[in-house]
Amino acid sequence: MEGMEEERKRLYLASWGERLVAWLVDVIIIGGISMILLLYLRRFIPLAWLERPQLFLWPRRMPSPPYPPLFLLVPFILITPWFTGVGAASILFIYWTLCEGLGGQSLGKRLMGLRVANLEGGEAGLARALVESLGKAFLLPLDMVIGLIIPEGVERRQRLFNYLSSTIVIRIRERPPPSKVEYVKT
């Protein structure tokens, strides 16, 4: 046993592009469903005081952004009406925490062949998924920028909240081998 070297496990990190597509799939599907749900609830619950922009970033005389495309701006909740932005982001936060904590994959990650894992490639678990999902649901631009500054984050393609939760996003299916045919454009 002394002469045997321990074989290293190989994990294929997901690219930023693959992760972006998975995030967009989740935000469009789950964000769209949550916006429909929240708009439906507004008909029955008097929430006028919650809909007023509460932050100085949004002038009172300026109309709120239109609702249908609002779910695409979920991480930018500072410029959306309070209830709608936080409500949609909260639904996405719960969705990501449960899906990635219990199964390692959201719908977008499943379609892209990706999985959230701990640093050794094992299950992330609910506690890690909860921390990892916070940045994705509420602070994505800041989460990305700070993650790109942290040296370990750059090496492992981690956002800030991936780094804080000791998680990575890996590819669970390998890319097909390159074709033996070369296509040349003339």
N, C-alpha and C. Protein backbone atom coordinates (compact mmCIF):
# COMPACT_ATOMS: atom_id res chain seq x y z
N MET A 1 0.81 -1.20 0.00
CA MET A 1 0.00 0.00 0.00
C MET A 1 0.85 1.26 0.00
N GLU A 2 2.08 1.18 0.48
CA GLU A 2 2.92 2.37 0.55
C GLU A 2 3.22 2.92 -0.83
N GLY A 3 3.45 2.06 -1.81
CA GLY A 3 3.84 2.50 -3.14
C GLY A 3 2.67 2.99 -3.98
N MET A 4 1.44 2.74 -3.52
CA MET A 4 0.28 3.14 -4.32
C MET A 4 -0.03 4.62 -4.09
N GLU A 5 -0.16 5.32 -5.18
CA GLU A 5 -0.54 6.72 -5.10
C GLU A 5 -2.05 6.83 -5.14
N GLU A 6 -2.58 7.72 -4.35
CA GLU A 6 -4.03 7.92 -4.34
C GLU A 6 -4.45 8.60 -5.64
N GLU A 7 -5.44 8.01 -6.30
CA GLU A 7 -5.92 8.59 -7.55
C GLU A 7 -6.76 9.83 -7.25
N ARG A 8 -6.50 10.90 -7.98
CA ARG A 8 -7.21 12.15 -7.77
C ARG A 8 -8.52 12.13 -8.54
N LYS A 9 -9.54 12.66 -7.90
CA LYS A 9 -10.85 12.75 -8.53
C LYS A 9 -10.84 13.94 -9.49
N ARG A 10 -11.41 13.78 -10.65
CA ARG A 10 -11.45 14.84 -11.65
C ARG A 10 -12.86 15.42 -11.71
N LEU A 11 -12.97 16.72 -11.44
CA LEU A 11 -14.25 17.42 -11.52
C LEU A 11 -14.17 18.43 -12.66
N TYR A 12 -15.16 18.43 -13.53
CA TYR A 12 -15.20 19.36 -14.65
C TYR A 12 -16.05 20.57 -14.26
N LEU A 13 -15.41 21.70 -14.08
CA LEU A 13 -16.12 22.91 -13.69
C LEU A 13 -16.98 23.42 -14.83
N ALA A 14 -18.18 23.86 -14.50
CA ALA A 14 -19.08 24.43 -15.51
C ALA A 14 -18.55 25.79 -15.92
N SER A 15 -18.72 26.13 -17.18
CA SER A 15 -18.28 27.44 -17.66
C SER A 15 -19.28 28.51 -17.20
N TRP A 16 -18.83 29.77 -17.23
CA TRP A 16 -19.73 30.87 -16.86
C TRP A 16 -20.90 30.93 -17.83
N GLY A 17 -20.67 30.63 -19.10
CA GLY A 17 -21.75 30.64 -20.09
C GLY A 17 -22.80 29.59 -19.82
N GLU A 18 -22.37 28.38 -19.46
CA GLU A 18 -23.32 27.31 -19.13
C GLU A 18 -24.13 27.68 -17.89
N ARG A 19 -23.47 28.27 -16.92
CA ARG A 19 -24.16 28.67 -15.70
C ARG A 19 -25.16 29.79 -15.97
N LEU A 20 -24.79 30.72 -16.85
CA LEU A 20 -25.69 31.82 -17.21
C LEU A 20 -26.95 31.29 -17.89
N VAL A 21 -26.79 30.35 -18.81
CA VAL A 21 -27.95 29.78 -19.50
C VAL A 21 -28.85 29.05 -18.50
N ALA A 22 -28.26 28.28 -17.58
CA ALA A 22 -29.05 27.58 -16.56
C ALA A 22 -29.80 28.58 -15.68
N TRP A 23 -29.14 29.67 -15.30
CA TRP A 23 -29.77 30.71 -14.48
C TRP A 23 -30.93 31.35 -15.24
N LEU A 24 -30.72 31.67 -16.52
CA LEU A 24 -31.78 32.28 -17.32
C LEU A 24 -32.99 31.36 -17.45
N VAL A 25 -32.76 30.07 -17.65
CA VAL A 25 -33.87 29.11 -17.73
C VAL A 25 -34.67 29.15 -16.43
N ASP A 26 -33.98 29.10 -15.30
CA ASP A 26 -34.66 29.14 -14.00
C ASP A 26 -35.42 30.44 -13.80
N VAL A 27 -34.78 31.56 -14.10
CA VAL A 27 -35.40 32.86 -13.88
C VAL A 27 -36.62 33.05 -14.78
N ILE A 28 -36.52 32.63 -16.02
CA ILE A 28 -37.64 32.80 -16.94
C ILE A 28 -38.81 31.91 -16.53
N ILE A 29 -38.55 30.64 -16.22
CA ILE A 29 -39.64 29.72 -15.88
C ILE A 29 -40.19 30.00 -14.48
N ILE A 30 -39.34 29.91 -13.47
CA ILE A 30 -39.80 30.09 -12.09
C ILE A 30 -40.14 31.55 -11.81
N GLY A 31 -39.32 32.47 -12.32
CA GLY A 31 -39.62 33.89 -12.15
C GLY A 31 -40.93 34.26 -12.82
N GLY A 32 -41.18 33.73 -14.00
CA GLY A 32 -42.44 34.00 -14.70
C GLY A 32 -43.63 33.47 -13.93
N ILE A 33 -43.51 32.25 -13.42
CA ILE A 33 -44.60 31.66 -12.62
C ILE A 33 -44.82 32.48 -11.35
N SER A 34 -43.73 32.89 -10.70
CA SER A 34 -43.88 33.67 -9.46
C SER A 34 -44.49 35.03 -9.74
N MET A 35 -44.15 35.66 -10.86
CA MET A 35 -44.74 36.96 -11.19
C MET A 35 -46.24 36.81 -11.45
N ILE A 36 -46.63 35.77 -12.15
CA ILE A 36 -48.06 35.54 -12.40
C ILE A 36 -48.77 35.33 -11.07
N LEU A 37 -48.18 34.54 -10.19
CA LEU A 37 -48.75 34.29 -8.87
C LEU A 37 -48.87 35.59 -8.07
N LEU A 38 -47.80 36.38 -8.05
CA LEU A 38 -47.82 37.64 -7.29
C LEU A 38 -48.82 38.63 -7.87
N LEU A 39 -48.90 38.72 -9.18
CA LEU A 39 -49.88 39.62 -9.80
C LEU A 39 -51.30 39.15 -9.52
N TYR A 40 -51.52 37.85 -9.48
CA TYR A 40 -52.83 37.30 -9.15
C TYR A 40 -53.20 37.64 -7.70
N LEU A 41 -52.24 37.48 -6.78
CA LEU A 41 -52.49 37.78 -5.37
C LEU A 41 -52.81 39.25 -5.14
N ARG A 42 -52.22 40.13 -5.95
CA ARG A 42 -52.47 41.56 -5.80
C ARG A 42 -53.93 41.91 -6.00
N ARG A 43 -54.67 41.10 -6.74
CA ARG A 43 -56.08 41.38 -6.99
C ARG A 43 -56.92 41.20 -5.73
N PHE A 44 -56.49 40.35 -4.82
CA PHE A 44 -57.29 40.00 -3.66
C PHE A 44 -56.78 40.59 -2.35
N ILE A 45 -55.54 41.01 -2.33
CA ILE A 45 -54.96 41.54 -1.10
C ILE A 45 -54.61 43.00 -1.32
N PRO A 46 -55.11 43.91 -0.46
CA PRO A 46 -54.77 45.32 -0.63
C PRO A 46 -53.30 45.58 -0.27
N LEU A 47 -52.48 45.66 -1.27
CA LEU A 47 -51.04 45.82 -1.04
C LEU A 47 -50.51 47.15 -1.58
N ALA A 48 -51.37 48.15 -1.70
CA ALA A 48 -50.94 49.41 -2.31
C ALA A 48 -49.76 50.02 -1.56
N TRP A 49 -49.75 49.93 -0.25
CA TRP A 49 -48.64 50.52 0.51
C TRP A 49 -47.34 49.76 0.31
N LEU A 50 -47.42 48.47 -0.03
CA LEU A 50 -46.21 47.68 -0.30
C LEU A 50 -45.65 47.95 -1.69
N GLU A 51 -46.51 48.35 -2.62
CA GLU A 51 -46.07 48.54 -4.00
C GLU A 51 -45.32 49.85 -4.20
N ARG A 52 -45.47 50.80 -3.27
CA ARG A 52 -44.76 52.06 -3.43
C ARG A 52 -43.27 51.83 -3.29
N PRO A 53 -42.47 52.34 -4.21
CA PRO A 53 -41.02 52.19 -4.07
C PRO A 53 -40.55 52.80 -2.75
N GLN A 54 -39.87 52.03 -1.97
CA GLN A 54 -39.46 52.46 -0.64
C GLN A 54 -38.07 53.09 -0.61
N LEU A 55 -37.33 52.99 -1.70
CA LEU A 55 -35.95 53.44 -1.69
C LEU A 55 -35.78 54.72 -2.46
N PHE A 56 -34.78 55.48 -2.09
CA PHE A 56 -34.51 56.75 -2.75
C PHE A 56 -34.05 56.58 -4.20
N LEU A 57 -33.71 55.36 -4.60
CA LEU A 57 -33.21 55.12 -5.95
C LEU A 57 -34.30 55.26 -7.01
N TRP A 58 -35.56 55.18 -6.60
CA TRP A 58 -36.65 55.23 -7.57
C TRP A 58 -37.50 56.46 -7.29
N PRO A 59 -37.46 57.49 -8.15
CA PRO A 59 -38.25 58.71 -7.91
C PRO A 59 -39.74 58.39 -7.83
N ARG A 60 -40.43 59.11 -6.94
CA ARG A 60 -41.85 58.85 -6.71
C ARG A 60 -42.71 59.15 -7.94
N ARG A 61 -42.36 60.13 -8.74
CA ARG A 61 -43.19 60.50 -9.88
C ARG A 61 -42.95 59.61 -11.09
N MET A 62 -41.89 58.85 -11.07
CA MET A 62 -41.57 57.99 -12.20
C MET A 62 -42.38 56.69 -12.08
N PRO A 63 -43.01 56.23 -13.16
CA PRO A 63 -43.79 54.99 -13.06
C PRO A 63 -42.89 53.78 -12.83
N SER A 64 -43.44 52.78 -12.20
CA SER A 64 -42.70 51.53 -11.98
C SER A 64 -42.44 50.86 -13.32
N PRO A 65 -41.41 50.00 -13.39
CA PRO A 65 -41.15 49.28 -14.64
C PRO A 65 -42.34 48.40 -14.99
N PRO A 66 -42.55 48.10 -16.27
CA PRO A 66 -43.67 47.23 -16.65
C PRO A 66 -43.51 45.85 -16.02
N TYR A 67 -44.62 45.23 -15.64
CA TYR A 67 -44.55 43.97 -14.93
C TYR A 67 -44.13 42.76 -15.75
N PRO A 68 -44.60 42.54 -16.98
CA PRO A 68 -44.23 41.29 -17.66
C PRO A 68 -42.73 41.01 -17.73
N PRO A 69 -41.85 41.96 -18.12
CA PRO A 69 -40.42 41.62 -18.18
C PRO A 69 -39.72 41.78 -16.84
N LEU A 70 -40.45 42.15 -15.79
CA LEU A 70 -39.82 42.42 -14.50
C LEU A 70 -39.10 41.21 -13.93
N PHE A 71 -39.60 39.99 -14.20
CA PHE A 71 -38.96 38.81 -13.62
C PHE A 71 -37.54 38.61 -14.13
N LEU A 72 -37.17 39.22 -15.25
CA LEU A 72 -35.80 39.12 -15.74
C LEU A 72 -34.84 39.97 -14.91
N LEU A 73 -35.39 40.89 -14.12
CA LEU A 73 -34.56 41.79 -13.32
C LEU A 73 -34.57 41.43 -11.84
N VAL A 74 -34.91 40.18 -11.51
CA VAL A 74 -35.08 39.80 -10.11
C VAL A 74 -33.89 40.18 -9.23
N PRO A 75 -32.63 39.97 -9.63
CA PRO A 75 -31.55 40.36 -8.73
C PRO A 75 -31.45 41.86 -8.50
N PHE A 76 -32.03 42.65 -9.34
CA PHE A 76 -31.95 44.09 -9.20
C PHE A 76 -33.17 44.62 -8.44
N ILE A 77 -33.45 44.01 -7.29
CA ILE A 77 -34.66 44.34 -6.54
C ILE A 77 -34.66 45.76 -5.99
N LEU A 78 -33.52 46.43 -5.98
CA LEU A 78 -33.49 47.79 -5.46
C LEU A 78 -34.25 48.77 -6.34
N ILE A 79 -34.46 48.45 -7.62
CA ILE A 79 -35.14 49.39 -8.49
C ILE A 79 -36.55 48.94 -8.86
N THR A 80 -37.03 47.88 -8.26
CA THR A 80 -38.38 47.40 -8.55
C THR A 80 -39.29 47.73 -7.38
N PRO A 81 -40.60 47.70 -7.61
CA PRO A 81 -41.51 47.87 -6.48
C PRO A 81 -41.20 46.82 -5.42
N TRP A 82 -41.24 47.20 -4.18
CA TRP A 82 -40.76 46.39 -3.07
C TRP A 82 -41.36 44.99 -3.05
N PHE A 83 -42.68 44.90 -3.00
CA PHE A 83 -43.34 43.60 -2.86
C PHE A 83 -43.06 42.69 -4.04
N THR A 84 -43.15 43.23 -5.25
CA THR A 84 -42.97 42.42 -6.44
C THR A 84 -41.54 41.90 -6.55
N GLY A 85 -40.56 42.77 -6.38
CA GLY A 85 -39.16 42.37 -6.52
C GLY A 85 -38.73 41.39 -5.45
N VAL A 86 -39.01 41.72 -4.20
CA VAL A 86 -38.61 40.85 -3.09
C VAL A 86 -39.42 39.56 -3.12
N GLY A 87 -40.69 39.63 -3.49
CA GLY A 87 -41.52 38.43 -3.56
C GLY A 87 -41.00 37.44 -4.59
N ALA A 88 -40.71 37.93 -5.79
CA ALA A 88 -40.20 37.05 -6.85
C ALA A 88 -38.83 36.51 -6.50
N ALA A 89 -37.95 37.35 -5.95
CA ALA A 89 -36.62 36.89 -5.56
C ALA A 89 -36.71 35.86 -4.43
N SER A 90 -37.64 36.04 -3.52
CA SER A 90 -37.81 35.09 -2.41
C SER A 90 -38.28 33.73 -2.91
N ILE A 91 -39.19 33.73 -3.87
CA ILE A 91 -39.65 32.46 -4.44
C ILE A 91 -38.49 31.75 -5.13
N LEU A 92 -37.68 32.49 -5.89
CA LEU A 92 -36.51 31.89 -6.54
C LEU A 92 -35.51 31.39 -5.50
N PHE A 93 -35.32 32.13 -4.42
CA PHE A 93 -34.40 31.72 -3.36
C PHE A 93 -34.83 30.39 -2.76
N ILE A 94 -36.11 30.26 -2.44
CA ILE A 94 -36.63 29.01 -1.87
C ILE A 94 -36.49 27.87 -2.89
N TYR A 95 -36.83 28.14 -4.13
CA TYR A 95 -36.72 27.15 -5.20
C TYR A 95 -35.29 26.64 -5.33
N TRP A 96 -34.32 27.57 -5.44
CA TRP A 96 -32.92 27.16 -5.60
C TRP A 96 -32.41 26.42 -4.37
N THR A 97 -32.77 26.89 -3.18
CA THR A 97 -32.31 26.24 -1.96
C THR A 97 -32.79 24.79 -1.90
N LEU A 98 -34.07 24.57 -2.17
CA LEU A 98 -34.61 23.22 -2.10
C LEU A 98 -34.09 22.32 -3.22
N CYS A 99 -34.13 22.81 -4.45
CA CYS A 99 -33.68 21.98 -5.59
C CYS A 99 -32.20 21.63 -5.50
N GLU A 100 -31.37 22.64 -5.23
CA GLU A 100 -29.93 22.40 -5.22
C GLU A 100 -29.47 21.78 -3.91
N GLY A 101 -30.21 21.99 -2.83
CA GLY A 101 -29.85 21.39 -1.56
C GLY A 101 -30.24 19.93 -1.46
N LEU A 102 -31.37 19.58 -2.06
CA LEU A 102 -31.84 18.19 -1.97
C LEU A 102 -31.38 17.32 -3.13
N GLY A 103 -31.28 17.90 -4.33
CA GLY A 103 -30.91 17.10 -5.49
C GLY A 103 -29.69 17.60 -6.24
N GLY A 104 -29.20 18.76 -5.86
CA GLY A 104 -28.02 19.31 -6.52
C GLY A 104 -28.31 20.06 -7.81
N GLN A 105 -29.55 20.01 -8.28
CA GLN A 105 -29.87 20.62 -9.57
C GLN A 105 -31.21 21.35 -9.56
N SER A 106 -31.21 22.51 -10.18
CA SER A 106 -32.46 23.19 -10.50
C SER A 106 -32.85 22.72 -11.90
N LEU A 107 -33.98 23.17 -12.39
CA LEU A 107 -34.41 22.78 -13.73
C LEU A 107 -33.40 23.24 -14.78
N GLY A 108 -32.92 24.47 -14.66
CA GLY A 108 -31.93 24.99 -15.61
C GLY A 108 -30.64 24.19 -15.59
N LYS A 109 -30.17 23.84 -14.40
CA LYS A 109 -28.94 23.05 -14.30
C LYS A 109 -29.15 21.64 -14.86
N ARG A 110 -30.31 21.08 -14.63
CA ARG A 110 -30.60 19.74 -15.17
C ARG A 110 -30.57 19.77 -16.70
N LEU A 111 -31.18 20.79 -17.29
CA LEU A 111 -31.18 20.91 -18.75
C LEU A 111 -29.77 21.10 -19.31
N MET A 112 -28.92 21.78 -18.56
CA MET A 112 -27.55 22.05 -19.02
C MET A 112 -26.56 20.97 -18.61
N GLY A 113 -27.01 19.99 -17.81
CA GLY A 113 -26.11 18.92 -17.37
C GLY A 113 -25.13 19.39 -16.31
N LEU A 114 -25.60 20.25 -15.40
CA LEU A 114 -24.76 20.81 -14.34
C LEU A 114 -25.31 20.39 -12.98
N ARG A 115 -24.46 20.53 -11.96
CA ARG A 115 -24.87 20.21 -10.59
C ARG A 115 -24.08 21.05 -9.61
N VAL A 116 -24.72 21.47 -8.52
CA VAL A 116 -24.03 22.14 -7.42
C VAL A 116 -23.47 21.06 -6.52
N ALA A 117 -22.20 21.18 -6.16
CA ALA A 117 -21.54 20.17 -5.34
C ALA A 117 -20.65 20.84 -4.31
N ASN A 118 -20.25 20.08 -3.29
CA ASN A 118 -19.25 20.60 -2.36
C ASN A 118 -17.89 20.55 -3.07
N LEU A 119 -16.85 21.00 -2.43
CA LEU A 119 -15.55 21.11 -3.09
C LEU A 119 -14.95 19.76 -3.47
N GLU A 120 -15.45 18.67 -2.89
CA GLU A 120 -14.96 17.34 -3.23
C GLU A 120 -15.83 16.66 -4.28
N GLY A 121 -16.90 17.32 -4.72
CA GLY A 121 -17.78 16.75 -5.73
C GLY A 121 -18.99 16.04 -5.15
N GLY A 122 -19.14 16.04 -3.83
CA GLY A 122 -20.28 15.39 -3.19
C GLY A 122 -21.49 16.30 -3.12
N GLU A 123 -22.54 15.81 -2.47
CA GLU A 123 -23.77 16.59 -2.31
C GLU A 123 -23.49 17.88 -1.56
N ALA A 124 -24.11 18.96 -1.98
CA ALA A 124 -23.93 20.25 -1.31
C ALA A 124 -24.69 20.28 0.01
N GLY A 125 -25.89 19.76 0.04
CA GLY A 125 -26.72 19.78 1.25
C GLY A 125 -27.49 21.09 1.37
N LEU A 126 -28.52 21.08 2.22
CA LEU A 126 -29.40 22.24 2.36
C LEU A 126 -28.70 23.47 2.93
N ALA A 127 -27.85 23.30 3.92
CA ALA A 127 -27.19 24.46 4.55
C ALA A 127 -26.31 25.19 3.54
N ARG A 128 -25.52 24.46 2.78
CA ARG A 128 -24.66 25.09 1.78
C ARG A 128 -25.51 25.71 0.66
N ALA A 129 -26.55 25.01 0.25
CA ALA A 129 -27.41 25.52 -0.82
C ALA A 129 -28.11 26.80 -0.40
N LEU A 130 -28.47 26.89 0.89
CA LEU A 130 -29.11 28.10 1.40
C LEU A 130 -28.18 29.30 1.25
N VAL A 131 -26.93 29.16 1.65
CA VAL A 131 -25.96 30.26 1.53
C VAL A 131 -25.70 30.57 0.07
N GLU A 132 -25.49 29.54 -0.74
CA GLU A 132 -25.18 29.72 -2.17
C GLU A 132 -26.32 30.42 -2.90
N SER A 133 -27.56 30.13 -2.53
CA SER A 133 -28.72 30.70 -3.20
C SER A 133 -28.99 32.15 -2.82
N LEU A 134 -28.53 32.58 -1.66
CA LEU A 134 -28.72 33.97 -1.24
C LEU A 134 -28.18 34.95 -2.26
N GLY A 135 -26.94 34.75 -2.66
CA GLY A 135 -26.32 35.66 -3.62
C GLY A 135 -26.98 35.61 -4.97
N LYS A 136 -27.36 34.41 -5.40
CA LYS A 136 -27.95 34.24 -6.72
C LYS A 136 -29.33 34.90 -6.80
N ALA A 137 -30.11 34.83 -5.74
CA ALA A 137 -31.47 35.36 -5.76
C ALA A 137 -31.53 36.87 -5.51
N PHE A 138 -30.67 37.37 -4.63
CA PHE A 138 -30.81 38.76 -4.20
C PHE A 138 -29.68 39.70 -4.62
N LEU A 139 -28.48 39.19 -4.83
CA LEU A 139 -27.31 40.07 -5.03
C LEU A 139 -26.42 39.63 -6.19
N LEU A 140 -26.97 39.09 -7.24
CA LEU A 140 -26.15 38.46 -8.27
C LEU A 140 -25.05 39.35 -8.86
N PRO A 141 -25.33 40.60 -9.25
CA PRO A 141 -24.23 41.39 -9.83
C PRO A 141 -23.06 41.56 -8.86
N LEU A 142 -23.35 41.91 -7.62
CA LEU A 142 -22.31 42.07 -6.59
C LEU A 142 -21.64 40.72 -6.30
N ASP A 143 -22.43 39.68 -6.23
CA ASP A 143 -21.95 38.32 -5.99
C ASP A 143 -20.92 37.91 -7.05
N MET A 144 -21.21 38.21 -8.30
CA MET A 144 -20.30 37.87 -9.41
C MET A 144 -19.02 38.69 -9.35
N VAL A 145 -19.15 40.00 -9.20
CA VAL A 145 -17.98 40.89 -9.23
C VAL A 145 -17.00 40.53 -8.12
N ILE A 146 -17.49 40.37 -6.90
CA ILE A 146 -16.60 40.03 -5.78
C ILE A 146 -16.01 38.64 -5.99
N GLY A 147 -16.80 37.71 -6.51
CA GLY A 147 -16.29 36.36 -6.78
C GLY A 147 -15.15 36.36 -7.78
N LEU A 148 -15.19 37.28 -8.73
CA LEU A 148 -14.13 37.36 -9.73
C LEU A 148 -12.86 38.02 -9.19
N ILE A 149 -12.94 38.60 -8.01
CA ILE A 149 -11.76 39.22 -7.38
C ILE A 149 -11.04 38.22 -6.48
N ILE A 150 -11.77 37.31 -5.85
CA ILE A 150 -11.19 36.33 -4.94
C ILE A 150 -10.38 35.32 -5.75
N PRO A 151 -9.07 35.17 -5.47
CA PRO A 151 -8.25 34.25 -6.28
C PRO A 151 -8.77 32.82 -6.32
N GLU A 152 -9.18 32.27 -5.18
CA GLU A 152 -9.71 30.91 -5.16
C GLU A 152 -11.00 30.83 -5.96
N GLY A 153 -11.79 31.89 -5.91
CA GLY A 153 -13.03 31.93 -6.67
C GLY A 153 -12.79 31.92 -8.16
N VAL A 154 -11.77 32.63 -8.61
CA VAL A 154 -11.43 32.65 -10.04
C VAL A 154 -10.97 31.27 -10.47
N GLU A 155 -10.14 30.63 -9.66
CA GLU A 155 -9.61 29.31 -10.00
C GLU A 155 -10.70 28.26 -10.11
N ARG A 156 -11.72 28.34 -9.24
CA ARG A 156 -12.79 27.33 -9.21
C ARG A 156 -14.09 27.82 -9.84
N ARG A 157 -14.05 28.98 -10.49
CA ARG A 157 -15.24 29.59 -11.09
C ARG A 157 -16.37 29.72 -10.07
N GLN A 158 -16.04 30.34 -8.94
CA GLN A 158 -17.01 30.51 -7.87
C GLN A 158 -17.44 31.97 -7.76
N ARG A 159 -18.74 32.16 -7.54
CA ARG A 159 -19.23 33.48 -7.15
C ARG A 159 -18.87 33.64 -5.67
N LEU A 160 -19.07 34.83 -5.12
CA LEU A 160 -18.77 35.06 -3.70
C LEU A 160 -19.52 34.07 -2.82
N PHE A 161 -20.82 33.89 -3.06
CA PHE A 161 -21.60 33.01 -2.20
C PHE A 161 -21.31 31.53 -2.44
N ASN A 162 -20.76 31.17 -3.60
CA ASN A 162 -20.24 29.81 -3.79
C ASN A 162 -19.02 29.63 -2.89
N TYR A 163 -18.16 30.64 -2.88
CA TYR A 163 -16.94 30.60 -2.07
C TYR A 163 -17.29 30.49 -0.58
N LEU A 164 -18.24 31.32 -0.13
CA LEU A 164 -18.64 31.31 1.28
C LEU A 164 -19.29 29.99 1.69
N SER A 165 -19.98 29.34 0.77
CA SER A 165 -20.66 28.08 1.09
C SER A 165 -19.82 26.85 0.73
N SER A 166 -18.61 27.06 0.23
CA SER A 166 -17.73 25.96 -0.19
C SER A 166 -18.41 25.05 -1.21
N THR A 167 -19.02 25.67 -2.22
CA THR A 167 -19.66 24.91 -3.29
C THR A 167 -19.06 25.29 -4.64
N ILE A 168 -19.21 24.39 -5.59
CA ILE A 168 -18.81 24.63 -6.97
C ILE A 168 -19.93 24.13 -7.87
N VAL A 169 -19.91 24.55 -9.11
CA VAL A 169 -20.87 24.04 -10.08
C VAL A 169 -20.08 23.22 -11.08
N ILE A 170 -20.46 21.94 -11.19
CA ILE A 170 -19.71 21.02 -12.05
C ILE A 170 -20.59 20.49 -13.17
N ARG A 171 -19.93 20.04 -14.20
CA ARG A 171 -20.59 19.39 -15.33
C ARG A 171 -20.76 17.92 -14.96
N ILE A 172 -21.96 17.37 -15.14
CA ILE A 172 -22.16 15.96 -14.79
C ILE A 172 -22.14 15.06 -16.01
N ARG A 173 -22.16 15.64 -17.16
CA ARG A 173 -22.00 14.83 -18.37
C ARG A 173 -20.88 15.46 -19.19
N GLU A 174 -20.04 14.61 -19.68
CA GLU A 174 -18.89 15.10 -20.44
C GLU A 174 -19.33 15.52 -21.82
N ARG A 175 -18.56 16.43 -22.38
CA ARG A 175 -18.84 16.87 -23.75
C ARG A 175 -18.50 15.73 -24.70
N PRO A 176 -19.21 15.65 -25.83
CA PRO A 176 -18.89 14.58 -26.78
C PRO A 176 -17.48 14.78 -27.35
N PRO A 177 -16.82 13.68 -27.68
CA PRO A 177 -15.47 13.83 -28.22
C PRO A 177 -15.50 14.60 -29.54
N PRO A 178 -14.41 15.29 -29.86
CA PRO A 178 -14.39 16.06 -31.10
C PRO A 178 -14.57 15.14 -32.31
N SER A 179 -15.23 15.65 -33.30
CA SER A 179 -15.50 14.88 -34.51
C SER A 179 -14.22 14.65 -35.30
N LYS A 180 -14.19 13.55 -36.02
CA LYS A 180 -13.03 13.26 -36.86
C LYS A 180 -13.13 13.97 -38.20
N VAL A 181 -14.23 14.70 -38.39
CA VAL A 181 -14.44 15.44 -39.63
C VAL A 181 -14.19 16.92 -39.35
N GLU A 182 -13.48 17.57 -40.22
CA GLU A 182 -13.23 19.00 -40.08
C GLU A 182 -14.06 19.72 -41.12
N TYR A 183 -14.81 20.72 -40.69
CA TYR A 183 -15.64 21.50 -41.61
C TYR A 183 -14.93 22.80 -41.90
N VAL A 184 -14.76 23.11 -43.18
CA VAL A 184 -14.05 24.31 -43.60
C VAL A 184 -15.02 25.20 -44.35
N LYS A 185 -15.09 26.46 -43.93
CA LYS A 185 -15.94 27.43 -44.63
C LYS A 185 -15.11 28.08 -45.72
N THR A 186 -15.67 28.18 -46.92
CA THR A 186 -14.93 28.83 -48.02
C THR A 186 -15.60 30.10 -48.45
